[in-house]
């Protein structure tokens, strides 16, 4: 139980850090930031829930073949859910990286116009 509480605390900290990261990106609109934050929260929550269920099912499993046959597909589903959550996080990271890259690009015309002023 203590492990689960610690994992939840870590998840909350990750979400806070992610919010801070989003706030530091000035070129992204607030609606997009809110959507990205929701995607992040959902992915983290899905991953943590799947981990808890996986851990619970795995812990209750004995080493009999019948147990592996009955619990194995369930464990596989939880692993798939965690994998999908990871894929969502990677796609989100790619979107954010592209947004940051776009913001950091220097437009030569913009630089020239600023020099003229």
Protein backbone atom coordinates (compact mmCIF):
# COMPACT_ATOMS: atom_id res chain seq x y z
CA UNK A 1 0.00 0.00 0.00
CA UNK A 2 2.85 2.37 0.84
CA UNK A 3 4.34 1.70 -2.60
CA UNK A 4 1.08 2.76 -4.23
CA UNK A 5 0.92 5.98 -2.23
CA UNK A 6 4.50 6.79 -3.21
CA UNK A 7 3.70 6.11 -6.88
CA UNK A 8 0.69 8.43 -6.70
CA UNK A 9 2.82 11.16 -5.13
CA UNK A 10 5.41 10.74 -7.89
CA UNK A 11 2.66 10.96 -10.50
CA UNK A 12 1.36 14.21 -8.99
CA UNK A 13 4.88 15.66 -9.05
CA UNK A 14 5.31 14.60 -12.69
CA UNK A 15 2.06 16.32 -13.62
CA UNK A 16 3.12 19.50 -11.80
CA UNK A 17 6.48 19.47 -13.58
CA UNK A 18 4.75 18.91 -16.90
CA UNK A 19 2.47 21.89 -16.23
CA UNK A 20 5.52 24.03 -15.52
CA UNK A 21 7.09 22.87 -18.78
CA UNK A 22 3.95 23.80 -20.70
CA UNK A 23 3.83 27.20 -19.03
CA UNK A 24 7.39 27.88 -20.19
CA UNK A 25 6.41 27.46 -23.85
CA UNK A 26 5.15 30.88 -24.84
CA UNK A 27 4.25 30.12 -28.44
CA UNK A 28 1.54 27.57 -27.61
CA UNK A 29 -2.01 28.71 -26.97
CA UNK A 30 -3.64 28.03 -23.62
CA UNK A 31 -6.28 25.73 -25.12
CA UNK A 32 -3.59 23.52 -26.61
CA UNK A 33 -1.68 23.53 -23.33
CA UNK A 34 -4.83 22.46 -21.45
CA UNK A 35 -5.42 19.66 -23.94
CA UNK A 36 -1.81 18.48 -23.69
CA UNK A 37 -2.00 18.54 -19.91
CA UNK A 38 -5.18 16.46 -19.99
CA UNK A 39 -3.56 13.95 -22.35
CA UNK A 40 -0.56 13.74 -20.04
CA UNK A 41 -2.68 13.29 -16.92
CA UNK A 42 -4.80 10.61 -18.58
CA UNK A 43 -1.76 8.72 -19.85
CA UNK A 44 -0.04 8.80 -16.47
CA UNK A 45 -3.25 7.75 -14.70
CA UNK A 46 -3.89 4.92 -17.17
CA UNK A 47 -0.33 3.69 -16.79
CA UNK A 48 -0.48 3.79 -12.99
CA UNK A 49 -3.87 2.05 -12.86
CA UNK A 50 -2.67 -0.67 -15.20
CA UNK A 51 0.47 -1.08 -13.09
CA UNK A 52 -1.55 -1.49 -9.90
CA UNK A 53 -3.85 -4.06 -11.50
CA UNK A 54 -0.92 -5.88 -13.11
CA UNK A 55 0.95 -5.99 -9.81
CA UNK A 56 -2.12 -7.25 -7.96
CA UNK A 57 -2.83 -9.98 -10.52
CA UNK A 58 0.82 -10.99 -10.74
CA UNK A 59 1.18 -11.17 -6.97
CA UNK A 60 -1.84 -13.44 -6.65
CA UNK A 61 -0.69 -15.78 -9.39
CA UNK A 62 0.74 -19.16 -8.44
CA UNK A 63 3.12 -21.19 -10.54
CA UNK A 64 0.56 -23.63 -11.88
CA UNK A 65 -0.17 -23.96 -15.56
CA UNK A 66 -3.87 -23.40 -14.99
CA UNK A 67 -3.15 -20.14 -13.20
CA UNK A 68 -0.94 -18.95 -16.06
CA UNK A 69 -3.66 -19.82 -18.56
CA UNK A 70 -6.31 -17.88 -16.67
CA UNK A 71 -4.28 -14.88 -15.49
CA UNK A 72 -1.80 -14.62 -18.38
CA UNK A 73 -4.18 -12.91 -20.84
CA UNK A 74 -5.22 -10.43 -18.16
CA UNK A 75 -1.60 -9.58 -17.42
CA UNK A 76 -1.04 -9.13 -21.15
CA UNK A 77 -3.93 -6.62 -21.34
CA UNK A 78 -2.42 -4.58 -18.50
CA UNK A 79 0.96 -4.57 -20.22
CA UNK A 80 -0.69 -3.44 -23.46
CA UNK A 81 -2.42 -0.58 -21.61
CA UNK A 82 0.88 0.54 -20.11
CA UNK A 83 2.51 0.34 -23.53
CA UNK A 84 -0.25 2.42 -25.15
CA UNK A 85 0.13 5.02 -22.40
CA UNK A 86 3.85 5.17 -23.11
CA UNK A 87 3.15 5.63 -26.83
CA UNK A 88 0.78 8.50 -26.04
CA UNK A 89 3.44 10.14 -23.91
CA UNK A 90 6.01 9.78 -26.68
CA UNK A 91 3.65 11.32 -29.23
CA UNK A 92 2.93 14.16 -26.82
CA UNK A 93 6.65 14.72 -26.28
CA UNK A 94 7.09 14.90 -30.04
CA UNK A 95 4.33 17.51 -30.34
CA UNK A 96 5.87 19.60 -27.59
CA UNK A 97 9.35 19.33 -29.09
CA UNK A 98 8.00 20.52 -32.43
CA UNK A 99 6.25 23.44 -30.74
CA UNK A 100 9.44 24.43 -28.92
CA UNK A 101 11.46 24.07 -32.11
CA UNK A 102 9.04 26.25 -34.02
CA UNK A 103 9.21 28.89 -31.29
CA UNK A 104 12.99 28.89 -31.24
CA UNK A 105 13.42 29.27 -35.01
CA UNK A 106 14.82 32.60 -36.03
CA UNK A 107 13.00 34.27 -38.88
CA UNK A 108 15.57 36.24 -40.93
CA UNK A 109 12.93 38.78 -41.99
CA UNK A 110 11.95 39.33 -38.39
CA UNK A 111 15.57 39.87 -37.35
CA UNK A 112 16.10 42.28 -40.23
CA UNK A 113 13.00 44.28 -39.34
CA UNK A 114 14.12 44.54 -35.72
CA UNK A 115 17.54 45.76 -36.79
CA UNK A 116 15.96 48.44 -38.99
CA UNK A 117 13.97 49.80 -36.03
